[in-house]
Amino acid sequence: MGEETTIMGTVLSVVFQNEENGYAVLRLVTDDGELLTLVGCVPCAAPGENLTASSFPRARSSGTCRRTRRRF
């Protein structure tokens, strides 16, 4: 398995969210101003919320969200 990557930023928008299982597609801006798309289990995410997400690269995709925690 590849190296863990950690991203910290603020949710700009919720593109998709499944309320049954928490799967979401979010647009995130990092503390450095980089725009990213975050995909994974992020229940109850909302625009303006600060998040820290960690992922591991996978063979068939660029990464999957493994852990997400909210920063306040």
C-alpha atoms as a PDB file:
ATOM      1  CA  MET A   1       0.000   0.000   0.000  1.00  0.00           C
ATOM      2  CA  GLY A   2       1.168   3.541  -0.672  1.00  0.00           C
ATOM      3  CA  GLU A   3       1.980   6.404   1.621  1.00  0.00           C
ATOM      4  CA  GLU A   4      -0.733   8.100   3.694  1.00  0.00           C
ATOM      5  CA  THR A   5      -1.719  11.619   2.624  1.00  0.00           C
ATOM      6  CA  THR A   6      -3.366  14.114   4.985  1.00  0.00           C
ATOM      7  CA  ILE A   7      -5.335  17.108   3.707  1.00  0.00           C
ATOM      8  CA  MET A   8      -6.688  19.979   5.800  1.00  0.00           C
ATOM      9  CA  GLY A   9      -9.124  22.544   4.478  1.00  0.00           C
ATOM     10  CA  THR A  10     -12.585  24.072   4.380  1.00  0.00           C
ATOM     11  CA  VAL A  11     -15.643  22.645   2.599  1.00  0.00           C
ATOM     12  CA  LEU A  12     -16.665  24.972  -0.246  1.00  0.00           C
ATOM     13  CA  SER A  13     -19.631  22.913  -1.419  1.00  0.00           C
ATOM     14  CA  VAL A  14     -21.313  19.539  -1.096  1.00  0.00           C
ATOM     15  CA  VAL A  15     -21.620  18.102  -4.618  1.00  0.00           C
ATOM     16  CA  PHE A  16     -23.323  14.875  -3.477  1.00  0.00           C
ATOM     17  CA  GLN A  17     -24.216  13.331  -0.138  1.00  0.00           C
ATOM     18  CA  ASN A  18     -25.953  10.016   0.622  1.00  0.00           C
ATOM     19  CA  GLU A  19     -27.772  10.473   3.924  1.00  0.00           C
ATOM     20  CA  GLU A  20     -28.124   6.698   4.426  1.00  0.00           C
ATOM     21  CA  ASN A  21     -24.411   5.809   4.445  1.00  0.00           C
ATOM     22  CA  GLY A  22     -22.547   9.156   4.677  1.00  0.00           C
ATOM     23  CA  TYR A  23     -20.808   8.820   1.281  1.00  0.00           C
ATOM     24  CA  ALA A  24     -20.092  12.296  -0.059  1.00  0.00           C
ATOM     25  CA  VAL A  25     -18.389  14.251  -2.821  1.00  0.00           C
ATOM     26  CA  LEU A  26     -17.117  17.589  -1.526  1.00  0.00           C
ATOM     27  CA  ARG A  27     -15.245  20.564  -2.993  1.00  0.00           C
ATOM     28  CA  LEU A  28     -12.545  21.589  -0.536  1.00  0.00           C
ATOM     29  CA  VAL A  29     -10.098  24.498  -0.413  1.00  0.00           C
ATOM     30  CA  THR A  30      -6.883  23.778   1.476  1.00  0.00           C
ATOM     31  CA  ASP A  31      -5.157  26.179   3.831  1.00  0.00           C
ATOM     32  CA  ASP A  32      -2.754  26.860   0.906  1.00  0.00           C
ATOM     33  CA  GLY A  33      -5.616  27.822  -1.441  1.00  0.00           C
ATOM     34  CA  GLU A  34      -5.605  24.600  -3.502  1.00  0.00           C
ATOM     35  CA  LEU A  35      -9.037  23.416  -4.732  1.00  0.00           C
ATOM     36  CA  LEU A  36      -9.658  19.670  -4.282  1.00  0.00           C
ATOM     37  CA  THR A  37     -12.460  17.138  -4.601  1.00  0.00           C
ATOM     38  CA  LEU A  38     -12.852  14.910  -1.532  1.00  0.00           C
ATOM     39  CA  VAL A  39     -14.679  11.597  -1.996  1.00  0.00           C
ATOM     40  CA  GLY A  40     -15.523   9.224   0.839  1.00  0.00           C
ATOM     41  CA  CYS A  41     -17.526   8.727   3.991  1.00  0.00           C
ATOM     42  CA  VAL A  42     -18.100  12.214   5.425  1.00  0.00           C
ATOM     43  CA  PRO A  43     -21.489  12.236   7.172  1.00  0.00           C
ATOM     44  CA  CYS A  44     -23.217  15.583   7.731  1.00  0.00           C
ATOM     45  CA  ALA A  45     -20.572  17.688   5.956  1.00  0.00           C
ATOM     46  CA  ALA A  46     -21.575  21.318   5.375  1.00  0.00           C
ATOM     47  CA  PRO A  47     -20.086  24.300   3.497  1.00  0.00           C
ATOM     48  CA  GLY A  48     -17.774  26.365   5.695  1.00  0.00           C
ATOM     49  CA  GLU A  49     -16.804  23.388   7.857  1.00  0.00           C
ATOM     50  CA  ASN A  50     -13.094  22.696   8.468  1.00  0.00           C
ATOM     51  CA  LEU A  51     -12.000  19.108   7.773  1.00  0.00           C
ATOM     52  CA  THR A  52      -8.893  16.983   8.035  1.00  0.00           C
ATOM     53  CA  ALA A  53      -8.912  13.899   5.790  1.00  0.00           C
ATOM     54  CA  SER A  54      -6.401  11.072   5.355  1.00  0.00           C
ATOM     55  CA  SER A  55      -6.116   8.684   2.423  1.00  0.00           C
ATOM     56  CA  PHE A  56      -4.008   5.891   1.007  1.00  0.00           C
ATOM     57  CA  PRO A  57      -3.450   5.560  -2.769  1.00  0.00           C
ATOM     58  CA  ARG A  58      -5.037   2.472  -4.322  1.00  0.00           C
ATOM     59  CA  ALA A  59      -4.190   0.600  -7.504  1.00  0.00           C
ATOM     60  CA  ARG A  60      -7.484   1.422  -9.245  1.00  0.00           C
ATOM     61  CA  SER A  61      -8.016   4.997  -8.040  1.00  0.00           C
ATOM     62  CA  SER A  62      -6.058   8.028  -6.901  1.00  0.00           C
ATOM     63  CA  GLY A  63      -7.161   7.606  -3.279  1.00  0.00           C
ATOM     64  CA  THR A  64      -9.964   6.808  -0.918  1.00  0.00           C
ATOM     65  CA  CYS A  65     -10.865   8.700   2.199  1.00  0.00           C
ATOM     66  CA  ARG A  66      -9.963   6.521   5.164  1.00  0.00           C
ATOM     67  CA  ARG A  67     -10.500   8.915   8.065  1.00  0.00           C
ATOM     68  CA  THR A  68     -12.126  12.286   8.331  1.00  0.00           C
ATOM     69  CA  ARG A  69     -12.313  14.482  11.391  1.00  0.00           C
ATOM     70  CA  ARG A  70     -13.686  17.919  11.879  1.00  0.00           C
ATOM     71  CA  ARG A  71     -11.502  20.776  13.118  1.00  0.00           C
ATOM     72  CA  PHE A  72     -13.118  23.492  15.203  1.00  0.00           C
END
